Amino acid sequence: MESNDDNQDSISYLKRLWALLTGEKSSRDTKEEIEKILDEVEEKGIIDEDQGDMIHNIIVLKDTMVHEIMVPKIDMVALEASSSLDDLIEVFSREGCSRIPIYEENLDNIIGVVHAKDVLKYWNVKDRPKDVRALMHPPYFVPEGKKLIDLLKEFREKRPKMAIVIDEYGNVDGLLTIGDVVEEIIGDIVGEDDAAGEEEIVEEGDGVYAVDPRLSIDEFSEEFGVEIPEGNYDTIGGFITCRMERIPESGETMEYEGFLFEIADADKKRISKLIVRPPARKES
């Protein structure tokens, strides 16, 4: 049975964690302090390893923009507003998704979102709506520069389930769902490749480094002594994606200030593995 002192220690640790996680700043010192507290609370059995991994992933959310994990516009599954209910049912069945954006004329003019559960009641009914507009919910738009942690709060408070990402000109950039954000928190834990606890920068020899694409640009700059310009990104993966103006494919490379960035692995949403070759140091 836990003593009152043990309970007070647990509450104290969790309060410190909460204060750091909800703070506005996300400096390297803050992250190191959080990691130190996580190690302590895991040792004391206040939280288990999986819970610690999830908190670690939440820390990463504070440095990640929505455009870094969104489904890009080119890969979006969407339907024109004049489509029939049969068209809608066919797309839901084929793609296996739970929500589909509806647009007029082009993808930059999304006017609503249809939920699969609203379509099911018309599955074998003769008296159906003539087009998909009758089933639409209002779309929920977010700017590409919004932090994932802020979007998660909005998903919880406003419950839109899907967000349409727009750029500074109001054009559609992509979309993401609450499932995408939750996957960022628990995906590494339930997935086959458990990356939690891995080093963010690993020297592999011959001047080659494996770098976590989620590493903040401030930490990358500090570690490698190169200035990364400010932009609509907070991570090195976001910087590369923004500079290439798309999600790069595995095997692609990019150069910047003598640095060679090689995309070791990527999917339709983001860079997942990154190799960095800094410029050779000049001998004095």
Protein backbone atom coordinates (compact mmCIF):
# COMPACT_ATOMS: atom_id res chain seq x y z
CA MET A 1 0.00 0.00 0.00
CA GLU A 2 1.35 3.44 -0.93
CA SER A 3 2.02 5.90 1.87
CA ASN A 4 0.83 9.50 1.85
CA ASP A 5 4.44 10.55 1.23
CA ASP A 6 4.59 8.34 -1.89
CA ASN A 7 1.33 9.81 -3.15
CA GLN A 8 2.60 13.34 -2.57
CA ASP A 9 5.82 12.53 -4.46
CA SER A 10 3.79 11.16 -7.39
CA ILE A 11 1.59 14.26 -7.49
CA SER A 12 4.65 16.52 -7.30
CA TYR A 13 6.38 14.76 -10.22
CA LEU A 14 3.24 14.80 -12.36
CA LYS A 15 2.63 18.48 -11.64
CA ARG A 16 6.18 19.30 -12.75
CA LEU A 17 5.71 17.26 -15.91
CA TRP A 18 2.39 18.94 -16.69
CA ALA A 19 3.89 22.42 -16.21
CA LEU A 20 6.72 21.63 -18.63
CA LEU A 21 4.49 19.93 -21.21
CA THR A 22 1.96 22.77 -21.29
CA GLY A 23 4.51 25.59 -21.29
CA GLU A 24 4.88 27.80 -24.35
CA LYS A 25 8.62 27.29 -24.73
CA SER A 26 10.15 24.08 -26.02
CA SER A 27 13.88 24.60 -25.61
CA ARG A 28 16.54 21.92 -25.42
CA ASP A 29 16.89 22.54 -21.67
CA THR A 30 13.14 22.01 -21.21
CA LYS A 31 13.26 18.72 -23.12
CA GLU A 32 16.23 17.51 -21.08
CA GLU A 33 14.41 18.38 -17.86
CA ILE A 34 11.31 16.48 -19.02
CA GLU A 35 13.43 13.45 -19.96
CA LYS A 36 15.11 13.56 -16.54
CA ILE A 37 11.74 13.63 -14.75
CA LEU A 38 10.45 10.82 -16.99
CA ASP A 39 13.42 8.66 -16.03
CA GLU A 40 12.76 9.35 -12.34
CA VAL A 41 9.03 8.61 -12.43
CA GLU A 42 9.62 5.40 -14.42
CA GLU A 43 12.23 4.27 -11.88
CA LYS A 44 9.80 4.94 -9.04
CA GLY A 45 7.01 3.07 -10.84
CA ILE A 46 4.75 6.14 -11.01
CA ILE A 47 4.32 5.54 -14.75
CA ASP A 48 5.28 2.55 -16.88
CA GLU A 49 7.57 2.53 -19.91
CA ASP A 50 4.77 2.78 -22.48
CA GLN A 51 3.29 5.79 -20.68
CA GLY A 52 6.73 7.38 -20.65
CA ASP A 53 7.07 6.76 -24.39
CA MET A 54 3.72 8.43 -25.03
CA ILE A 55 4.75 11.49 -23.02
CA HIS A 56 7.99 11.60 -25.03
CA ASN A 57 5.96 11.61 -28.25
CA ILE A 58 3.76 14.42 -26.92
CA ILE A 59 6.95 16.45 -26.44
CA VAL A 60 7.66 15.92 -30.14
CA LEU A 61 4.18 17.24 -31.01
CA LYS A 62 5.18 20.61 -29.56
CA ASP A 63 7.84 20.94 -32.28
CA THR A 64 5.82 19.51 -35.18
CA MET A 65 3.64 21.49 -37.61
CA VAL A 66 0.49 20.02 -39.15
CA HIS A 67 1.94 20.11 -42.67
CA GLU A 68 4.70 17.74 -41.57
CA ILE A 69 2.35 14.78 -41.05
CA MET A 70 -0.65 15.67 -43.24
CA VAL A 71 -1.82 13.66 -46.24
CA PRO A 72 -0.70 15.96 -49.08
CA LYS A 73 -3.26 17.35 -51.51
CA ILE A 74 -2.10 15.09 -54.35
CA ASP A 75 -2.91 11.99 -52.25
CA MET A 76 -6.24 13.18 -50.83
CA VAL A 77 -9.36 11.09 -51.41
CA ALA A 78 -12.15 13.59 -52.18
CA LEU A 79 -15.36 13.76 -54.21
CA GLU A 80 -17.05 16.39 -56.37
CA ALA A 81 -20.24 17.84 -54.87
CA SER A 82 -22.45 16.76 -57.78
CA SER A 83 -21.54 13.09 -57.26
CA SER A 84 -24.31 10.65 -56.47
CA LEU A 85 -24.73 8.70 -53.27
CA ASP A 86 -23.74 5.55 -55.18
CA ASP A 87 -20.47 7.26 -56.15
CA LEU A 88 -19.89 8.12 -52.50
CA ILE A 89 -20.62 4.58 -51.31
CA GLU A 90 -18.25 3.18 -53.94
CA VAL A 91 -15.41 5.47 -52.80
CA PHE A 92 -15.96 4.66 -49.13
CA SER A 93 -15.93 0.93 -49.93
CA ARG A 94 -12.85 1.13 -52.14
CA GLU A 95 -10.72 3.41 -49.96
CA GLY A 96 -11.77 2.18 -46.52
CA CYS A 97 -11.80 5.70 -45.08
CA SER A 98 -14.33 7.06 -42.59
CA ARG A 99 -14.60 10.64 -43.92
CA ILE A 100 -14.40 12.18 -47.39
CA PRO A 101 -14.00 15.89 -48.22
CA ILE A 102 -16.45 17.27 -50.78
CA TYR A 103 -15.40 19.98 -53.25
CA GLU A 104 -16.85 22.15 -56.00
CA GLU A 105 -14.87 22.59 -59.24
CA ASN A 106 -11.45 21.88 -57.69
CA LEU A 107 -9.77 20.70 -54.49
CA ASP A 108 -9.05 24.26 -53.38
CA ASN A 109 -12.79 24.76 -52.89
CA ILE A 110 -13.74 22.20 -50.25
CA ILE A 111 -17.30 22.85 -49.08
CA GLY A 112 -17.92 19.99 -46.67
CA VAL A 113 -17.04 16.57 -45.29
CA VAL A 114 -19.21 13.43 -45.41
CA HIS A 115 -18.98 10.76 -42.70
CA ALA A 116 -19.30 7.09 -43.59
CA LYS A 117 -21.74 6.50 -40.73
CA ASP A 118 -24.17 9.01 -42.31
CA VAL A 119 -24.11 7.07 -45.57
CA LEU A 120 -24.83 3.66 -44.04
CA LYS A 121 -28.48 4.43 -43.30
CA TYR A 122 -29.11 4.90 -47.05
CA TRP A 123 -27.37 1.64 -48.05
CA ASN A 124 -30.51 -0.22 -49.22
CA VAL A 125 -33.00 2.65 -49.24
CA LYS A 126 -34.74 3.78 -52.44
CA ASP A 127 -35.57 7.31 -51.26
CA ARG A 128 -32.02 8.68 -51.25
CA PRO A 129 -30.64 12.24 -51.44
CA LYS A 130 -29.90 13.24 -55.04
CA ASP A 131 -26.33 14.28 -54.33
CA VAL A 132 -23.83 14.27 -51.49
CA ARG A 133 -24.50 17.85 -50.36
CA ALA A 134 -27.41 16.66 -48.21
CA LEU A 135 -25.00 14.64 -46.05
CA MET A 136 -22.23 17.20 -45.65
CA HIS A 137 -20.80 18.48 -42.37
CA PRO A 138 -19.00 21.86 -42.34
CA PRO A 139 -15.27 21.56 -43.14
CA TYR A 140 -12.73 22.46 -40.45
CA PHE A 141 -9.79 24.48 -41.79
CA VAL A 142 -6.40 24.95 -40.13
CA PRO A 143 -3.27 26.84 -41.28
CA GLU A 144 -0.26 24.78 -42.35
CA GLY A 145 1.86 26.37 -39.62
CA LYS A 146 -0.32 25.22 -36.72
CA LYS A 147 1.44 23.08 -34.12
CA LEU A 148 0.19 19.51 -33.77
CA ILE A 149 -0.19 19.89 -30.02
CA ASP A 150 -2.54 22.85 -30.60
CA LEU A 151 -4.54 20.92 -33.20
CA LEU A 152 -4.89 18.02 -30.77
CA LYS A 153 -6.46 20.42 -28.25
CA GLU A 154 -8.87 21.67 -30.94
CA PHE A 155 -9.78 18.10 -31.90
CA ARG A 156 -10.62 17.42 -28.26
CA GLU A 157 -12.58 20.64 -27.68
CA LYS A 158 -14.39 21.08 -31.02
CA ARG A 159 -14.43 17.42 -32.12
CA PRO A 160 -14.14 17.94 -35.91
CA LYS A 161 -12.27 14.60 -36.46
CA MET A 162 -10.78 15.86 -39.76
CA ALA A 163 -8.92 19.08 -40.54
CA ILE A 164 -8.30 20.56 -43.98
CA VAL A 165 -4.86 22.20 -44.09
CA ILE A 166 -4.59 25.46 -46.03
CA ASP A 167 -1.63 27.62 -47.00
CA GLU A 168 -1.20 31.37 -46.58
CA TYR A 169 -3.22 32.02 -49.76
CA GLY A 170 -6.17 29.91 -48.67
CA ASN A 171 -5.35 27.04 -51.03
CA VAL A 172 -5.69 23.48 -49.79
CA ASP A 173 -2.39 21.82 -48.87
CA GLY A 174 -3.69 18.53 -47.50
CA LEU A 175 -5.66 17.01 -44.65
CA LEU A 176 -5.21 15.10 -41.45
CA THR A 177 -7.46 13.36 -38.96
CA ILE A 178 -7.42 12.92 -35.23
CA GLY A 179 -6.22 9.39 -35.96
CA ASP A 180 -3.09 10.80 -37.62
CA VAL A 181 -2.29 12.85 -34.51
CA VAL A 182 -2.99 9.96 -32.14
CA GLU A 183 -0.72 7.77 -34.27
CA GLU A 184 2.09 10.25 -33.64
CA ILE A 185 1.61 9.66 -29.90
CA ILE A 186 1.09 5.89 -29.76
CA GLY A 187 2.15 4.67 -33.21
CA ASP A 188 5.73 3.86 -32.23
CA ILE A 189 4.48 1.99 -29.18
CA VAL A 190 1.96 -0.29 -30.92
CA GLY A 191 3.90 -0.51 -34.19
CA GLU A 192 6.51 -3.06 -35.16
CA ASP A 193 9.40 -0.61 -35.12
CA ASP A 194 9.70 0.82 -31.64
CA ALA A 195 11.70 4.01 -32.09
CA ALA A 196 10.98 5.42 -28.64
CA GLY A 197 14.11 6.09 -26.70
CA GLU A 198 16.38 6.09 -29.76
CA GLU A 199 19.10 8.72 -30.02
CA GLU A 200 18.11 11.72 -32.12
CA ILE A 201 21.60 11.95 -33.65
CA VAL A 202 23.71 8.83 -34.20
CA GLU A 203 27.18 8.96 -35.74
CA GLU A 204 27.51 6.08 -38.18
CA GLY A 205 31.14 6.67 -39.16
CA ASP A 206 32.92 8.33 -42.09
CA GLY A 207 31.23 11.64 -41.29
CA VAL A 208 27.73 10.22 -41.72
CA TYR A 209 24.93 10.77 -39.19
CA ALA A 210 21.49 9.23 -38.79
CA VAL A 211 19.25 12.09 -37.64
CA ASP A 212 15.69 11.90 -36.34
CA PRO A 213 13.66 14.05 -38.80
CA ARG A 214 11.67 15.29 -35.78
CA LEU A 215 14.78 16.94 -34.32
CA SER A 216 14.13 20.67 -33.86
CA ILE A 217 16.01 23.03 -36.16
CA ASP A 218 17.45 24.79 -33.09
CA GLU A 219 18.98 21.54 -31.86
CA PHE A 220 20.21 20.65 -35.35
CA SER A 221 21.82 24.08 -35.73
CA GLU A 222 23.45 23.81 -32.32
CA GLU A 223 24.77 20.31 -32.97
CA PHE A 224 26.11 20.87 -36.49
CA GLY A 225 26.99 24.56 -36.36
CA VAL A 226 24.84 25.60 -39.31
CA GLU A 227 22.17 28.29 -39.39
CA ILE A 228 18.78 27.08 -40.60
CA PRO A 229 16.55 29.96 -41.79
CA GLU A 230 13.25 30.54 -40.00
CA GLY A 231 10.13 29.33 -41.74
CA ASN A 232 6.85 27.50 -41.41
CA TYR A 233 8.51 24.54 -39.71
CA ASP A 234 10.19 23.64 -36.43
CA THR A 235 11.92 20.36 -37.28
CA ILE A 236 14.69 19.41 -39.67
CA GLY A 237 12.28 17.13 -41.54
CA GLY A 238 9.87 20.03 -41.90
CA PHE A 239 12.69 22.25 -43.20
CA ILE A 240 13.58 19.72 -45.91
CA THR A 241 9.94 19.22 -46.90
CA CYS A 242 9.37 22.98 -47.07
CA ARG A 243 12.54 23.57 -49.10
CA MET A 244 11.69 20.80 -51.57
CA GLU A 245 8.05 22.01 -51.64
CA ARG A 246 6.74 18.44 -51.34
CA ILE A 247 7.14 15.23 -49.35
CA PRO A 248 10.36 13.74 -50.78
CA GLU A 249 10.63 10.08 -51.70
CA SER A 250 13.02 7.52 -50.24
CA GLY A 251 16.45 7.82 -51.82
CA GLU A 252 16.15 11.48 -52.76
CA THR A 253 18.79 13.96 -51.64
CA MET A 254 18.98 17.68 -50.95
CA GLU A 255 21.97 19.96 -50.43
CA TYR A 256 22.12 22.98 -48.17
CA GLU A 257 25.20 24.96 -47.12
CA GLY A 258 27.46 22.03 -47.97
CA PHE A 259 25.27 19.54 -46.07
CA LEU A 260 23.89 16.56 -47.98
CA PHE A 261 20.54 15.33 -46.69
CA GLU A 262 19.54 11.85 -47.86
CA ILE A 263 15.97 10.63 -47.37
CA ALA A 264 16.51 7.10 -46.08
CA ASP A 265 12.79 6.43 -45.69
CA ALA A 266 9.56 8.36 -46.23
CA ASP A 267 5.88 7.75 -46.81
CA LYS A 268 3.10 9.91 -48.24
CA LYS A 269 2.91 11.96 -45.04
CA ARG A 270 6.45 12.61 -43.87
CA ILE A 271 10.15 11.82 -43.78
CA SER A 272 10.73 8.98 -41.31
CA LYS A 273 14.48 8.35 -41.61
CA LEU A 274 17.18 10.85 -42.50
CA ILE A 275 20.92 10.57 -43.22
CA VAL A 276 23.05 13.71 -42.96
CA ARG A 277 26.53 14.23 -44.40
CA PRO A 278 28.02 17.50 -43.13
CA PRO A 279 30.67 19.26 -45.24
CA ALA A 280 34.25 18.16 -44.65
CA ARG A 281 35.94 20.33 -42.06
CA LYS A 282 38.78 22.45 -43.40
CA GLU A 283 42.06 21.71 -41.71
CA SER A 284 43.69 24.80 -40.19
